[in-house]
């Protein structure tokens, strides 16, 4: 997403956690090459999110408990992506009390106990 400030763009999809790569919500510095291409130069400012990645079983990935959790995340201004069935990349606003790690651990314990 292009921002009004010259040469700045906001990342609109998540990346694996690598210090120099942008994550959801980050503002990056990019040099415009042409109308369709920009060369990434670095991160100008990290977004106000805590990023969490985890893998869930198919059963948990398709559960109503996860759907409810993700709906609450979005309601609180968060963002999530699901890849390859059970790989989740979650961006939690710093102002949120949601705890994706605790949710995933509790969901897995509940599944094992049933």
PDB file of N, CA and C in Angstrom:
ATOM      1  N   UNK A   1       0.853  -1.170   0.000  1.00  0.00           N
ATOM      2  CA  UNK A   1       0.000   0.000   0.000  1.00  0.00           C
ATOM      3  C   UNK A   1       0.892   1.223   0.000  1.00  0.00           C
ATOM      4  N   UNK A   2       0.694   2.112  -0.937  1.00  0.00           N
ATOM      5  CA  UNK A   2       1.494   3.334  -1.041  1.00  0.00           C
ATOM      6  C   UNK A   2       0.989   4.346  -0.018  1.00  0.00           C
ATOM      7  N   UNK A   3       1.914   4.960   0.710  1.00  0.00           N
ATOM      8  CA  UNK A   3       1.569   5.999   1.676  1.00  0.00           C
ATOM      9  C   UNK A   3       1.820   7.369   1.063  1.00  0.00           C
ATOM     10  N   UNK A   4       1.193   8.412   1.620  1.00  0.00           N
ATOM     11  CA  UNK A   4       1.357   9.750   1.048  1.00  0.00           C
ATOM     12  C   UNK A   4       2.808  10.247   1.046  1.00  0.00           C
ATOM     13  N   UNK A   5       3.614   9.823   2.023  1.00  0.00           N
ATOM     14  CA  UNK A   5       5.006  10.256   2.065  1.00  0.00           C
ATOM     15  C   UNK A   5       5.780   9.589   0.934  1.00  0.00           C
ATOM     16  N   UNK A   6       6.594  10.354   0.257  1.00  0.00           N
ATOM     17  CA  UNK A   6       7.359   9.848  -0.882  1.00  0.00           C
ATOM     18  C   UNK A   6       8.237   8.679  -0.482  1.00  0.00           C
ATOM     19  N   UNK A   7       8.167   7.602  -1.246  1.00  0.00           N
ATOM     20  CA  UNK A   7       9.041   6.460  -1.051  1.00  0.00           C
ATOM     21  C   UNK A   7       8.672   5.537   0.094  1.00  0.00           C
ATOM     22  N   UNK A   8       7.475   5.696   0.695  1.00  0.00           N
ATOM     23  CA  UNK A   8       7.074   4.832   1.805  1.00  0.00           C
ATOM     24  C   UNK A   8       5.850   4.020   1.422  1.00  0.00           C
ATOM     25  N   UNK A   9       5.851   2.780   1.869  1.00  0.00           N
ATOM     26  CA  UNK A   9       4.763   1.856   1.560  1.00  0.00           C
ATOM     27  C   UNK A   9       4.492   1.009   2.796  1.00  0.00           C
ATOM     28  N   UNK A  10       3.243   0.560   2.969  1.00  0.00           N
ATOM     29  CA  UNK A  10       2.879  -0.300   4.096  1.00  0.00           C
ATOM     30  C   UNK A  10       2.771  -1.742   3.599  1.00  0.00           C
ATOM     31  N   UNK A  11       3.384  -2.675   4.346  1.00  0.00           N
ATOM     32  CA  UNK A  11       3.286  -4.090   4.004  1.00  0.00           C
ATOM     33  C   UNK A  11       1.845  -4.551   4.231  1.00  0.00           C
ATOM     34  N   UNK A  12       1.291  -5.262   3.270  1.00  0.00           N
ATOM     35  CA  UNK A  12      -0.091  -5.732   3.394  1.00  0.00           C
ATOM     36  C   UNK A  12      -0.194  -7.253   3.333  1.00  0.00           C
ATOM     37  N   UNK A  13       0.916  -7.934   3.479  1.00  0.00           N
ATOM     38  CA  UNK A  13       0.871  -9.372   3.692  1.00  0.00           C
ATOM     39  C   UNK A  13       2.047  -9.752   4.573  1.00  0.00           C
ATOM     40  N   UNK A  14       1.882 -10.804   5.326  1.00  0.00           N
ATOM     41  CA  UNK A  14       2.869 -11.198   6.319  1.00  0.00           C
ATOM     42  C   UNK A  14       4.033 -11.952   5.678  1.00  0.00           C
ATOM     43  N   UNK A  15       5.180 -11.918   6.349  1.00  0.00           N
ATOM     44  CA  UNK A  15       6.363 -12.675   5.946  1.00  0.00           C
ATOM     45  C   UNK A  15       6.843 -13.453   7.155  1.00  0.00           C
ATOM     46  N   UNK A  16       7.648 -14.487   6.930  1.00  0.00           N
ATOM     47  CA  UNK A  16       8.271 -15.181   8.053  1.00  0.00           C
ATOM     48  C   UNK A  16       9.106 -14.190   8.851  1.00  0.00           C
ATOM     49  N   UNK A  17       9.298 -14.478  10.129  1.00  0.00           N
ATOM     50  CA  UNK A  17      10.019 -13.570  11.023  1.00  0.00           C
ATOM     51  C   UNK A  17      11.504 -13.548  10.691  1.00  0.00           C
ATOM     52  N   UNK A  18      11.909 -12.547   9.959  1.00  0.00           N
ATOM     53  CA  UNK A  18      13.305 -12.271   9.658  1.00  0.00           C
ATOM     54  C   UNK A  18      13.481 -10.786   9.917  1.00  0.00           C
ATOM     55  N   UNK A  19      14.495 -10.429  10.673  1.00  0.00           N
ATOM     56  CA  UNK A  19      14.654  -9.056  11.156  1.00  0.00           C
ATOM     57  C   UNK A  19      14.557  -8.001  10.055  1.00  0.00           C
ATOM     58  N   UNK A  20      15.147  -8.257   8.896  1.00  0.00           N
ATOM     59  CA  UNK A  20      15.183  -7.242   7.855  1.00  0.00           C
ATOM     60  C   UNK A  20      13.986  -7.304   6.895  1.00  0.00           C
ATOM     61  N   UNK A  21      13.119  -8.313   7.030  1.00  0.00           N
ATOM     62  CA  UNK A  21      11.939  -8.396   6.166  1.00  0.00           C
ATOM     63  C   UNK A  21      10.735  -7.746   6.839  1.00  0.00           C
ATOM     64  N   UNK A  22       9.886  -7.119   6.056  1.00  0.00           N
ATOM     65  CA  UNK A  22       8.698  -6.483   6.649  1.00  0.00           C
ATOM     66  C   UNK A  22       7.646  -7.501   7.048  1.00  0.00           C
ATOM     67  N   UNK A  23       6.898  -7.151   8.076  1.00  0.00           N
ATOM     68  CA  UNK A  23       5.743  -7.924   8.517  1.00  0.00           C
ATOM     69  C   UNK A  23       4.517  -7.044   8.341  1.00  0.00           C
ATOM     70  N   UNK A  24       3.350  -7.612   8.520  1.00  0.00           N
ATOM     71  CA  UNK A  24       2.100  -6.889   8.370  1.00  0.00           C
ATOM     72  C   UNK A  24       2.122  -5.596   9.194  1.00  0.00           C
ATOM     73  N   UNK A  25       1.755  -4.493   8.559  1.00  0.00           N
ATOM     74  CA  UNK A  25       1.652  -3.205   9.239  1.00  0.00           C
ATOM     75  C   UNK A  25       2.922  -2.371   9.228  1.00  0.00           C
ATOM     76  N   UNK A  26       4.060  -2.952   8.839  1.00  0.00           N
ATOM     77  CA  UNK A  26       5.301  -2.187   8.801  1.00  0.00           C
ATOM     78  C   UNK A  26       5.262  -1.155   7.671  1.00  0.00           C
ATOM     79  N   UNK A  27       5.958  -0.055   7.884  1.00  0.00           N
ATOM     80  CA  UNK A  27       6.134   0.941   6.831  1.00  0.00           C
ATOM     81  C   UNK A  27       7.548   0.754   6.295  1.00  0.00           C
ATOM     82  N   UNK A  28       7.646   0.549   4.985  1.00  0.00           N
ATOM     83  CA  UNK A  28       8.940   0.273   4.375  1.00  0.00           C
ATOM     84  C   UNK A  28       9.372   1.426   3.484  1.00  0.00           C
ATOM     85  N   UNK A  29      10.668   1.467   3.248  1.00  0.00           N
ATOM     86  CA  UNK A  29      11.242   2.428   2.306  1.00  0.00           C
ATOM     87  C   UNK A  29      11.448   1.679   0.997  1.00  0.00           C
ATOM     88  N   UNK A  30      10.943   2.255  -0.075  1.00  0.00           N
ATOM     89  CA  UNK A  30      11.067   1.615  -1.382  1.00  0.00           C
ATOM     90  C   UNK A  30      11.373   2.668  -2.432  1.00  0.00           C
ATOM     91  N   UNK A  31      12.194   2.288  -3.377  1.00  0.00           N
ATOM     92  CA  UNK A  31      12.551   3.170  -4.488  1.00  0.00           C
ATOM     93  C   UNK A  31      11.734   2.753  -5.713  1.00  0.00           C
ATOM     94  N   UNK A  32      10.974   3.673  -6.259  1.00  0.00           N
ATOM     95  CA  UNK A  32      10.142   3.389  -7.417  1.00  0.00           C
ATOM     96  C   UNK A  32      11.042   3.171  -8.635  1.00  0.00           C
ATOM     97  N   UNK A  33      10.898   2.019  -9.275  1.00  0.00           N
ATOM     98  CA  UNK A  33      11.659   1.686 -10.483  1.00  0.00           C
ATOM     99  C   UNK A  33      10.853   2.076 -11.715  1.00  0.00           C
ATOM    100  N   UNK A  34       9.591   1.693 -11.727  1.00  0.00           N
ATOM    101  CA  UNK A  34       8.665   2.093 -12.787  1.00  0.00           C
ATOM    102  C   UNK A  34       7.258   2.023 -12.214  1.00  0.00           C
ATOM    103  N   UNK A  35       6.244   2.151 -13.057  1.00  0.00           N
ATOM    104  CA  UNK A  35       4.860   2.210 -12.581  1.00  0.00           C
ATOM    105  C   UNK A  35       4.431   0.939 -11.844  1.00  0.00           C
ATOM    106  N   UNK A  36       5.065  -0.182 -12.118  1.00  0.00           N
ATOM    107  CA  UNK A  36       4.655  -1.461 -11.520  1.00  0.00           C
ATOM    108  C   UNK A  36       5.671  -2.055 -10.554  1.00  0.00           C
ATOM    109  N   UNK A  37       6.839  -1.434 -10.439  1.00  0.00           N
ATOM    110  CA  UNK A  37       7.925  -2.042  -9.677  1.00  0.00           C
ATOM    111  C   UNK A  37       8.534  -1.058  -8.685  1.00  0.00           C
ATOM    112  N   UNK A  38       8.772  -1.553  -7.480  1.00  0.00           N
ATOM    113  CA  UNK A  38       9.487  -0.774  -6.470  1.00  0.00           C
ATOM    114  C   UNK A  38      10.577  -1.663  -5.884  1.00  0.00           C
ATOM    115  N   UNK A  39      11.725  -1.081  -5.602  1.00  0.00           N
ATOM    116  CA  UNK A  39      12.839  -1.816  -5.007  1.00  0.00           C
ATOM    117  C   UNK A  39      12.818  -1.564  -3.499  1.00  0.00           C
ATOM    118  N   UNK A  40      12.678  -2.635  -2.738  1.00  0.00           N
ATOM    119  CA  UNK A  40      12.651  -2.561  -1.277  1.00  0.00           C
ATOM    120  C   UNK A  40      14.018  -2.147  -0.756  1.00  0.00           C
ATOM    121  N   UNK A  41      14.033  -1.115   0.092  1.00  0.00           N
ATOM    122  CA  UNK A  41      15.286  -0.615   0.663  1.00  0.00           C
ATOM    123  C   UNK A  41      15.437  -0.913   2.151  1.00  0.00           C
ATOM    124  N   UNK A  42      14.335  -1.079   2.854  1.00  0.00           N
ATOM    125  CA  UNK A  42      14.429  -1.361   4.279  1.00  0.00           C
ATOM    126  C   UNK A  42      13.146  -0.999   5.003  1.00  0.00           C
ATOM    127  N   UNK A  43      13.189  -1.150   6.303  1.00  0.00           N
ATOM    128  CA  UNK A  43      12.023  -0.849   7.128  1.00  0.00           C
ATOM    129  C   UNK A  43      12.189   0.545   7.713  1.00  0.00           C
ATOM    130  N   UNK A  44      11.187   1.381   7.511  1.00  0.00           N
ATOM    131  CA  UNK A  44      11.179   2.728   8.083  1.00  0.00           C
ATOM    132  C   UNK A  44      10.657   2.687   9.511  1.00  0.00           C
ATOM    133  N   UNK A  45       9.559   1.948   9.710  1.00  0.00           N
ATOM    134  CA  UNK A  45       8.936   1.871  11.030  1.00  0.00           C
ATOM    135  C   UNK A  45       8.182   0.558  11.174  1.00  0.00           C
ATOM    136  N   UNK A  46       8.400  -0.123  12.290  1.00  0.00           N
ATOM    137  CA  UNK A  46       7.657  -1.356  12.563  1.00  0.00           C
ATOM    138  C   UNK A  46       6.220  -1.016  12.919  1.00  0.00           C
ATOM    139  N   UNK A  47       5.289  -1.850  12.479  1.00  0.00           N
ATOM    140  CA  UNK A  47       3.880  -1.661  12.796  1.00  0.00           C
ATOM    141  C   UNK A  47       3.599  -1.966  14.262  1.00  0.00           C
ATOM    142  N   UNK A  48       2.457  -1.523  14.750  1.00  0.00           N
ATOM    143  CA  UNK A  48       2.109  -1.715  16.161  1.00  0.00           C
ATOM    144  C   UNK A  48       1.487  -3.090  16.430  1.00  0.00           C
ATOM    145  N   UNK A  49       2.230  -4.134  16.062  1.00  0.00           N
ATOM    146  CA  UNK A  49       1.726  -5.502  16.198  1.00  0.00           C
ATOM    147  C   UNK A  49       2.784  -6.401  16.813  1.00  0.00           C
ATOM    148  N   UNK A  50       2.312  -7.441  17.477  1.00  0.00           N
ATOM    149  CA  UNK A  50       3.151  -8.552  17.920  1.00  0.00           C
ATOM    150  C   UNK A  50       2.819  -9.699  16.980  1.00  0.00           C
ATOM    151  N   UNK A  51       3.833 -10.328  16.416  1.00  0.00           N
ATOM    152  CA  UNK A  51       3.619 -11.360  15.405  1.00  0.00           C
ATOM    153  C   UNK A  51       3.875 -12.746  15.994  1.00  0.00           C
ATOM    154  N   UNK A  52       2.948 -13.647  15.708  1.00  0.00           N
ATOM    155  CA  UNK A  52       3.018 -15.010  16.225  1.00  0.00           C
ATOM    156  C   UNK A  52       2.712 -15.969  15.074  1.00  0.00           C
ATOM    157  N   UNK A  53       3.526 -16.983  14.928  1.00  0.00           N
ATOM    158  CA  UNK A  53       3.304 -18.029  13.923  1.00  0.00           C
ATOM    159  C   UNK A  53       3.178 -19.361  14.643  1.00  0.00           C
ATOM    160  N   UNK A  54       2.234 -20.202  14.207  1.00  0.00           N
ATOM    161  CA  UNK A  54       2.139 -21.543  14.761  1.00  0.00           C
ATOM    162  C   UNK A  54       1.417 -22.459  13.799  1.00  0.00           C
ATOM    163  N   UNK A  55       1.548 -23.763  14.066  1.00  0.00           N
ATOM    164  CA  UNK A  55       0.924 -24.800  13.248  1.00  0.00           C
ATOM    165  C   UNK A  55      -0.117 -25.522  14.091  1.00  0.00           C
ATOM    166  N   UNK A  56      -1.311 -25.705  13.516  1.00  0.00           N
ATOM    167  CA  UNK A  56      -2.389 -26.440  14.183  1.00  0.00           C
ATOM    168  C   UNK A  56      -2.793 -27.636  13.330  1.00  0.00           C
ATOM    169  N   UNK A  57      -3.337 -28.634  13.967  1.00  0.00           N
ATOM    170  CA  UNK A  57      -3.863 -29.783  13.242  1.00  0.00           C
ATOM    171  C   UNK A  57      -5.045 -29.335  12.384  1.00  0.00           C
ATOM    172  N   UNK A  58      -5.407 -30.155  11.439  1.00  0.00           N
ATOM    173  CA  UNK A  58      -6.565 -29.838  10.588  1.00  0.00           C
ATOM    174  C   UNK A  58      -7.822 -29.651  11.436  1.00  0.00           C
ATOM    175  N   UNK A  59      -8.002 -30.542  12.400  1.00  0.00           N
ATOM    176  CA  UNK A  59      -9.183 -30.471  13.266  1.00  0.00           C
ATOM    177  C   UNK A  59      -9.254 -29.124  13.992  1.00  0.00           C
ATOM    178  N   UNK A  60      -8.138 -28.680  14.555  1.00  0.00           N
ATOM    179  CA  UNK A  60      -8.127 -27.399  15.260  1.00  0.00           C
ATOM    180  C   UNK A  60      -8.234 -26.224  14.286  1.00  0.00           C
ATOM    181  N   UNK A  61      -7.587 -26.349  13.130  1.00  0.00           N
ATOM    182  CA  UNK A  61      -7.625 -25.270  12.133  1.00  0.00           C
ATOM    183  C   UNK A  61      -9.045 -25.046  11.610  1.00  0.00           C
ATOM    184  N   UNK A  62      -9.868 -26.095  11.639  1.00  0.00           N
ATOM    185  CA  UNK A  62     -11.243 -25.994  11.146  1.00  0.00           C
ATOM    186  C   UNK A  62     -12.265 -25.845  12.278  1.00  0.00           C
ATOM    187  N   UNK A  63     -11.795 -25.642  13.500  1.00  0.00           N
ATOM    188  CA  UNK A  63     -12.691 -25.612  14.659  1.00  0.00           C
ATOM    189  C   UNK A  63     -13.423 -24.275  14.814  1.00  0.00           C
ATOM    190  N   UNK A  64     -14.572 -24.340  15.454  1.00  0.00           N
ATOM    191  CA  UNK A  64     -15.330 -23.111  15.743  1.00  0.00           C
ATOM    192  C   UNK A  64     -14.604 -22.278  16.786  1.00  0.00           C
ATOM    193  N   UNK A  65     -13.837 -22.922  17.673  1.00  0.00           N
ATOM    194  CA  UNK A  65     -13.075 -22.171  18.675  1.00  0.00           C
ATOM    195  C   UNK A  65     -12.048 -21.259  18.001  1.00  0.00           C
ATOM    196  N   UNK A  66     -11.361 -21.786  16.984  1.00  0.00           N
ATOM    197  CA  UNK A  66     -10.393 -20.951  16.261  1.00  0.00           C
ATOM    198  C   UNK A  66     -11.109 -19.858  15.488  1.00  0.00           C
ATOM    199  N   UNK A  67     -12.207 -20.190  14.828  1.00  0.00           N
ATOM    200  CA  UNK A  67     -12.968 -19.179  14.086  1.00  0.00           C
ATOM    201  C   UNK A  67     -13.391 -18.044  15.010  1.00  0.00           C
ATOM    202  N   UNK A  68     -13.839 -18.374  16.224  1.00  0.00           N
ATOM    203  CA  UNK A  68     -14.227 -17.354  17.200  1.00  0.00           C
ATOM    204  C   UNK A  68     -13.028 -16.503  17.614  1.00  0.00           C
ATOM    205  N   UNK A  69     -11.888 -17.163  17.859  1.00  0.00           N
ATOM    206  CA  UNK A  69     -10.675 -16.440  18.253  1.00  0.00           C
ATOM    207  C   UNK A  69     -10.243 -15.478  17.151  1.00  0.00           C
ATOM    208  N   UNK A  70     -10.235 -15.956  15.905  1.00  0.00           N
ATOM    209  CA  UNK A  70      -9.801 -15.110  14.790  1.00  0.00           C
ATOM    210  C   UNK A  70     -10.769 -13.955  14.545  1.00  0.00           C
ATOM    211  N   UNK A  71     -12.067 -14.188  14.744  1.00  0.00           N
ATOM    212  CA  UNK A  71     -13.052 -13.108  14.609  1.00  0.00           C
ATOM    213  C   UNK A  71     -12.794 -12.031  15.658  1.00  0.00           C
ATOM    214  N   UNK A  72     -12.492 -12.461  16.877  1.00  0.00           N
ATOM    215  CA  UNK A  72     -12.179 -11.489  17.943  1.00  0.00           C
ATOM    216  C   UNK A  72     -10.901 -10.723  17.607  1.00  0.00           C
ATOM    217  N   UNK A  73      -9.895 -11.430  17.070  1.00  0.00           N
ATOM    218  CA  UNK A  73      -8.643 -10.796  16.662  1.00  0.00           C
ATOM    219  C   UNK A  73      -8.916  -9.679  15.657  1.00  0.00           C
ATOM    220  N   UNK A  74      -9.700  -9.980  14.633  1.00  0.00           N
ATOM    221  CA  UNK A  74     -10.023  -8.981  13.603  1.00  0.00           C
ATOM    222  C   UNK A  74     -10.817  -7.826  14.210  1.00  0.00           C
ATOM    223  N   UNK A  75     -11.766  -8.138  15.089  1.00  0.00           N
ATOM    224  CA  UNK A  75     -12.543  -7.088  15.761  1.00  0.00           C
ATOM    225  C   UNK A  75     -11.648  -6.129  16.532  1.00  0.00           C
ATOM    226  N   UNK A  76     -10.534  -6.643  17.051  1.00  0.00           N
ATOM    227  CA  UNK A  76      -9.613  -5.819  17.831  1.00  0.00           C
ATOM    228  C   UNK A  76      -8.540  -5.165  16.960  1.00  0.00           C
ATOM    229  N   UNK A  77      -8.672  -5.291  15.633  1.00  0.00           N
ATOM    230  CA  UNK A  77      -7.722  -4.633  14.730  1.00  0.00           C
ATOM    231  C   UNK A  77      -6.554  -5.493  14.312  1.00  0.00           C
ATOM    232  N   UNK A  78      -6.624  -6.789  14.574  1.00  0.00           N
ATOM    233  CA  UNK A  78      -5.543  -7.694  14.198  1.00  0.00           C
ATOM    234  C   UNK A  78      -5.704  -8.227  12.786  1.00  0.00           C
ATOM    235  N   UNK A  79      -4.782  -9.066  12.394  1.00  0.00           N
ATOM    236  CA  UNK A  79      -4.722  -9.618  11.044  1.00  0.00           C
ATOM    237  C   UNK A  79      -4.196 -11.040  11.144  1.00  0.00           C
ATOM    238  N   UNK A  80      -4.676 -11.903  10.257  1.00  0.00           N
ATOM    239  CA  UNK A  80      -4.164 -13.270  10.239  1.00  0.00           C
ATOM    240  C   UNK A  80      -4.156 -13.815   8.818  1.00  0.00           C
ATOM    241  N   UNK A  81      -3.254 -14.773   8.605  1.00  0.00           N
ATOM    242  CA  UNK A  81      -3.180 -15.518   7.349  1.00  0.00           C
ATOM    243  C   UNK A  81      -3.077 -16.999   7.696  1.00  0.00           C
ATOM    244  N   UNK A  82      -3.683 -17.809   6.846  1.00  0.00           N
ATOM    245  CA  UNK A  82      -3.603 -19.263   6.989  1.00  0.00           C
ATOM    246  C   UNK A  82      -2.979 -19.818   5.721  1.00  0.00           C
ATOM    247  N   UNK A  83      -1.955 -20.671   5.893  1.00  0.00           N
ATOM    248  CA  UNK A  83      -1.259 -21.270   4.756  1.00  0.00           C
ATOM    249  C   UNK A  83      -1.197 -22.777   4.924  1.00  0.00           C
ATOM    250  N   UNK A  84      -1.297 -23.483   3.844  1.00  0.00           N
ATOM    251  CA  UNK A  84      -1.123 -24.941   3.803  1.00  0.00           C
ATOM    252  C   UNK A  84      -1.967 -25.657   4.853  1.00  0.00           C
ATOM    253  N   UNK A  85      -3.144 -25.162   5.106  1.00  0.00           N
ATOM    254  CA  UNK A  85      -4.057 -25.836   6.022  1.00  0.00           C
ATOM    255  C   UNK A  85      -3.937 -25.415   7.468  1.00  0.00           C
ATOM    256  N   UNK A  86      -2.780 -25.630   8.091  1.00  0.00           N
ATOM    257  CA  UNK A  86      -2.678 -25.391   9.517  1.00  0.00           C
ATOM    258  C   UNK A  86      -1.601 -24.420   9.965  1.00  0.00           C
ATOM    259  N   UNK A  87      -0.913 -23.753   9.023  1.00  0.00           N
ATOM    260  CA  UNK A  87       0.126 -22.786   9.388  1.00  0.00           C
ATOM    261  C   UNK A  87      -0.519 -21.407   9.473  1.00  0.00           C
ATOM    262  N   UNK A  88      -0.450 -20.797  10.652  1.00  0.00           N
ATOM    263  CA  UNK A  88      -1.088 -19.501  10.878  1.00  0.00           C
ATOM    264  C   UNK A  88      -0.039 -18.445  11.197  1.00  0.00           C
ATOM    265  N   UNK A  89      -0.190 -17.290  10.564  1.00  0.00           N
ATOM    266  CA  UNK A  89       0.635 -16.117  10.834  1.00  0.00           C
ATOM    267  C   UNK A  89      -0.330 -15.058  11.375  1.00  0.00           C
ATOM    268  N   UNK A  90      -0.124 -14.678  12.621  1.00  0.00           N
ATOM    269  CA  UNK A  90      -1.072 -13.809  13.304  1.00  0.00           C
ATOM    270  C   UNK A  90      -0.373 -12.529  13.743  1.00  0.00           C
ATOM    271  N   UNK A  91      -1.026 -11.390  13.503  1.00  0.00           N
ATOM    272  CA  UNK A  91      -0.530 -10.079  13.922  1.00  0.00           C
ATOM    273  C   UNK A  91      -1.518  -9.514  14.928  1.00  0.00           C
ATOM    274  N   UNK A  92      -1.072  -9.416  16.176  1.00  0.00           N
ATOM    275  CA  UNK A  92      -1.920  -8.977  17.280  1.00  0.00           C
ATOM    276  C   UNK A  92      -1.569  -7.529  17.615  1.00  0.00           C
ATOM    277  N   UNK A  93      -2.567  -6.629  17.638  1.00  0.00           N
ATOM    278  CA  UNK A  93      -2.263  -5.251  18.035  1.00  0.00           C
ATOM    279  C   UNK A  93      -1.602  -5.219  19.422  1.00  0.00           C
ATOM    280  N   UNK A  94      -0.629  -4.348  19.594  1.00  0.00           N
ATOM    281  CA  UNK A  94       0.054  -4.254  20.881  1.00  0.00           C
ATOM    282  C   UNK A  94      -0.912  -3.896  22.002  1.00  0.00           C
ATOM    283  N   UNK A  95      -2.009  -3.236  21.658  1.00  0.00           N
ATOM    284  CA  UNK A  95      -3.000  -2.835  22.662  1.00  0.00           C
ATOM    285  C   UNK A  95      -3.943  -3.975  23.060  1.00  0.00           C
ATOM    286  N   UNK A  96      -3.863  -5.104  22.376  1.00  0.00           N
ATOM    287  CA  UNK A  96      -4.777  -6.219  22.628  1.00  0.00           C
ATOM    288  C   UNK A  96      -4.278  -7.122  23.750  1.00  0.00           C
ATOM    289  N   UNK A  97      -5.209  -7.701  24.473  1.00  0.00           N
ATOM    290  CA  UNK A  97      -4.852  -8.681  25.504  1.00  0.00           C
ATOM    291  C   UNK A  97      -4.932 -10.111  24.972  1.00  0.00           C
ATOM    292  N   UNK A  98      -5.272 -10.278  23.693  1.00  0.00           N
ATOM    293  CA  UNK A  98      -5.345 -11.625  23.115  1.00  0.00           C
ATOM    294  C   UNK A  98      -3.981 -12.303  23.168  1.00  0.00           C
ATOM    295  N   UNK A  99      -3.993 -13.594  23.435  1.00  0.00           N
ATOM    296  CA  UNK A  99      -2.765 -14.370  23.535  1.00  0.00           C
ATOM    297  C   UNK A  99      -2.865 -15.598  22.635  1.00  0.00           C
ATOM    298  N   UNK A 100      -2.418 -15.485  21.383  1.00  0.00           N
ATOM    299  CA  UNK A 100      -2.535 -16.608  20.447  1.00  0.00           C
ATOM    300  C   UNK A 100      -1.806 -17.861  20.912  1.00  0.00           C
ATOM    301  N   UNK A 101      -0.651 -17.704  21.558  1.00  0.00           N
ATOM    302  CA  UNK A 101       0.091 -18.872  22.019  1.00  0.00           C
ATOM    303  C   UNK A 101      -0.710 -19.634  23.067  1.00  0.00           C
ATOM    304  N   UNK A 102      -1.302 -18.899  24.019  1.00  0.00           N
ATOM    305  CA  UNK A 102      -2.113 -19.539  25.060  1.00  0.00           C
ATOM    306  C   UNK A 102      -3.329 -20.226  24.445  1.00  0.00           C
ATOM    307  N   UNK A 103      -3.949 -19.572  23.460  1.00  0.00           N
ATOM    308  CA  UNK A 103      -5.095 -20.186  22.782  1.00  0.00           C
ATOM    309  C   UNK A 103      -4.674 -21.501  22.129  1.00  0.00           C
ATOM    310  N   UNK A 104      -3.573 -21.487  21.377  1.00  0.00           N
ATOM    311  CA  UNK A 104      -3.127 -22.685  20.656  1.00  0.00           C
ATOM    312  C   UNK A 104      -2.783 -23.809  21.633  1.00  0.00           C
ATOM    313  N   UNK A 105      -2.099 -23.480  22.728  1.00  0.00           N
ATOM    314  CA  UNK A 105      -1.732 -24.509  23.711  1.00  0.00           C
ATOM    315  C   UNK A 105      -2.987 -25.087  24.366  1.00  0.00           C
ATOM    316  N   UNK A 106      -3.929 -24.245  24.745  1.00  0.00           N
ATOM    317  CA  UNK A 106      -5.157 -24.720  25.386  1.00  0.00           C
ATOM    318  C   UNK A 106      -5.966 -25.583  24.417  1.00  0.00           C
ATOM    319  N   UNK A 107      -6.040 -25.163  23.166  1.00  0.00           N
ATOM    320  CA  UNK A 107      -6.802 -25.927  22.170  1.00  0.00           C
ATOM    321  C   UNK A 107      -6.187 -27.305  21.955  1.00  0.00           C
ATOM    322  N   UNK A 108      -4.865 -27.374  21.920  1.00  0.00           N
ATOM    323  CA  UNK A 108      -4.192 -28.657  21.725  1.00  0.00           C
ATOM    324  C   UNK A 108      -4.359 -29.558  22.942  1.00  0.00           C
ATOM    325  N   UNK A 109      -4.316 -28.987  24.142  1.00  0.00           N
ATOM    326  CA  UNK A 109      -4.524 -29.781  25.366  1.00  0.00           C
ATOM    327  C   UNK A 109      -5.955 -30.319  25.410  1.00  0.00           C
ATOM    328  N   UNK A 110      -6.929 -29.477  25.034  1.00  0.00           N
ATOM    329  CA  UNK A 110      -8.327 -29.895  25.020  1.00  0.00           C
ATOM    330  C   UNK A 110      -8.497 -31.060  24.049  1.00  0.00           C
ATOM    331  N   UNK A 111      -7.865 -30.970  22.879  1.00  0.00           N
ATOM    332  CA  UNK A 111      -7.972 -32.030  21.874  1.00  0.00           C
ATOM    333  C   UNK A 111      -7.373 -33.332  22.419  1.00  0.00           C
ATOM    334  N   UNK A 112      -6.205 -33.245  23.057  1.00  0.00           N
ATOM    335  CA  UNK A 112      -5.565 -34.452  23.587  1.00  0.00           C
ATOM    336  C   UNK A 112      -6.385 -35.082  24.712  1.00  0.00           C
ATOM    337  N   UNK A 113      -7.063 -34.228  25.490  1.00  0.00           N
ATOM    338  CA  UNK A 113      -7.849 -34.729  26.613  1.00  0.00           C
ATOM    339  C   UNK A 113      -9.173 -35.344  26.224  1.00  0.00           C
ATOM    340  N   UNK A 114      -9.613 -35.135  24.987  1.00  0.00           N
ATOM    341  CA  UNK A 114     -10.920 -35.673  24.580  1.00  0.00           C
ATOM    342  C   UNK A 114     -10.816 -37.053  23.995  1.00  0.00           C
TER     343      UNK A 114
END
